[in-house]
Protein backbone atom coordinates (compact mmCIF):
# COMPACT_ATOMS: atom_id res chain seq x y z
CA VAL A 1 37.41 -35.82 4.16
CA LEU A 2 38.77 -33.04 1.97
CA PRO A 3 36.25 -30.36 1.01
CA GLY A 4 36.08 -29.53 -2.66
CA ILE A 5 34.26 -26.27 -2.07
CA ASN A 6 33.49 -24.05 0.89
CA THR A 7 29.77 -23.44 0.49
CA GLY A 8 28.68 -20.27 2.27
CA PHE A 9 25.12 -20.14 0.95
CA LEU A 10 22.92 -20.57 -2.12
CA GLY A 11 23.08 -17.27 -3.93
CA VAL A 12 23.90 -15.17 -6.92
CA THR A 13 26.73 -12.96 -8.08
CA GLU A 14 25.76 -9.32 -7.58
CA ARG A 15 28.96 -8.11 -9.23
CA GLN A 16 32.56 -9.29 -9.40
CA GLY A 17 33.66 -10.12 -5.87
CA GLU A 18 30.18 -9.71 -4.33
CA TRP A 19 27.64 -12.46 -3.78
CA ALA A 20 24.19 -12.39 -2.16
CA GLU A 21 22.20 -15.19 -0.57
CA ARG A 22 18.92 -16.06 -2.27
CA CYS A 23 17.91 -19.41 -0.73
CA GLN A 24 18.32 -21.09 2.66
CA GLY A 25 17.10 -24.44 1.40
CA CYS A 26 14.36 -24.51 4.04
CA GLY A 27 12.37 -27.25 2.32
CA ASP A 28 9.06 -25.33 2.31
CA CYS A 29 9.48 -23.17 -0.80
CA VAL A 30 6.97 -20.42 -1.61
CA LEU A 31 8.81 -18.71 -4.48
CA HIS A 32 5.85 -19.36 -6.78
CA LEU A 33 3.75 -17.16 -4.47
CA THR A 34 6.32 -14.45 -3.70
CA GLY A 35 7.47 -13.45 -7.16
CA GLY A 36 10.67 -15.47 -6.93
CA ILE A 37 11.91 -13.67 -3.80
CA CYS A 38 12.43 -15.86 -0.72
CA PRO A 39 10.96 -14.34 2.45
CA VAL A 40 13.04 -16.61 4.69
CA THR A 41 16.26 -15.39 3.10
CA ARG A 42 15.46 -11.79 2.17
CA CYS A 43 13.63 -10.80 5.39
CA ALA A 44 16.25 -10.08 8.07
CA LYS A 45 13.93 -11.71 10.62
CA SER A 46 12.97 -14.59 8.29
CA LEU A 47 9.31 -13.66 8.67
CA PHE A 48 7.13 -15.86 6.51
CA HIS A 49 3.80 -14.04 6.32
CA GLY A 50 4.45 -10.36 5.73
CA PRO A 51 6.39 -7.37 6.97
CA CYS A 52 6.97 -6.82 10.69
CA GLY A 53 6.03 -3.15 10.77
CA GLY A 54 9.56 -2.03 11.61
CA SER A 55 10.50 -1.03 8.08
CA SER A 56 10.39 2.52 6.79
CA GLN A 57 10.29 3.53 3.13
CA GLY A 58 11.35 0.05 2.06
CA ILE A 59 14.33 -0.11 4.44
CA CYS A 60 14.53 -2.72 7.21
CA GLU A 61 14.92 -1.60 10.81
CA VAL A 62 18.01 -3.80 11.26
CA GLY A 63 20.16 -1.51 9.11
CA LYS A 64 20.01 1.39 6.69
CA ASP A 65 21.59 -0.69 3.92
CA VAL A 66 19.14 -3.60 4.30
CA LYS A 67 16.09 -3.50 2.05
CA CYS A 68 12.87 -4.84 3.53
CA GLY A 69 12.45 -8.31 2.04
CA TRP A 70 8.68 -8.08 2.20
CA GLN A 71 8.65 -4.72 0.45
CA LEU A 72 10.72 -6.33 -2.33
CA ILE A 73 8.18 -9.17 -2.53
CA ILE A 74 5.16 -6.85 -2.61
CA ASP A 75 6.77 -4.62 -5.25
CA ARG A 76 7.62 -7.66 -7.40
CA LEU A 77 4.11 -9.10 -7.09
CA LYS A 78 2.63 -5.74 -8.13
CA ALA A 79 4.98 -5.56 -11.13
CA LEU A 80 3.96 -9.09 -12.15
CA ASN A 81 0.27 -8.31 -11.56
CA GLN A 82 0.18 -11.20 -9.07
CA LEU A 83 -0.57 -9.40 -5.81
CA GLU A 84 -3.36 -11.91 -5.14
CA ASN A 85 -0.63 -14.49 -4.42
CA TYR A 86 0.15 -12.63 -1.19
CA GLY A 87 -3.13 -13.93 0.22
CA LYS A 88 -2.33 -17.51 -0.79
CA LEU A 89 0.54 -17.93 1.66
CA LYS A 90 -0.04 -20.68 4.21
CA PRO A 91 -0.99 -19.65 7.74
CA TYR A 92 2.17 -21.29 9.08
CA LYS A 93 5.70 -22.19 8.00
CA GLY A 94 6.69 -25.84 8.21
CA TRP A 95 9.98 -25.23 10.02
CA HIS A 96 10.42 -28.98 10.53
CA THR A 97 11.90 -29.05 7.03
CA SER A 98 14.58 -26.44 7.79
CA ARG A 99 18.19 -27.11 8.78
CA ASP A 100 17.68 -25.92 12.35
CA GLY A 101 16.64 -29.37 13.53
CA GLY A 102 19.99 -30.90 12.57
CA PRO A 103 20.96 -32.71 9.39
CA ARG A 104 17.98 -33.33 7.12
CA ARG A 105 17.18 -36.73 5.66
CA ILE A 106 14.95 -37.84 2.84
CA LEU A 107 13.48 -41.30 3.14
CA ARG A 108 11.66 -43.06 0.31
CA GLU A 109 9.91 -46.13 1.66
CA ASP A 110 9.36 -47.45 -1.87
CA MET A 111 13.12 -47.77 -2.38
CA ILE A 112 13.96 -49.57 0.86
């Protein structure tokens, strides 16, 4: 096997020579409820249901250069006049769809 690319993550170009992750491909997407900002990717702790309480003035406790992902989400929802979507998040995250359980498979019984 010869790799054609060396995928680091699903992201965007911030500027020439700098890229930022935007999606972990977790399989339980909530972008339609979070203003297009992924809480799993943008929150340093991958919290799925709101901020942890450790942020201060929009900065995450893990580092002074890390913006709080949930503050970004709340600010975006306010700007879009969609803050009610915050209350529509599911009470749990279906982590069974994430990569942490090993390689993922999709099985369509109708095609077998």
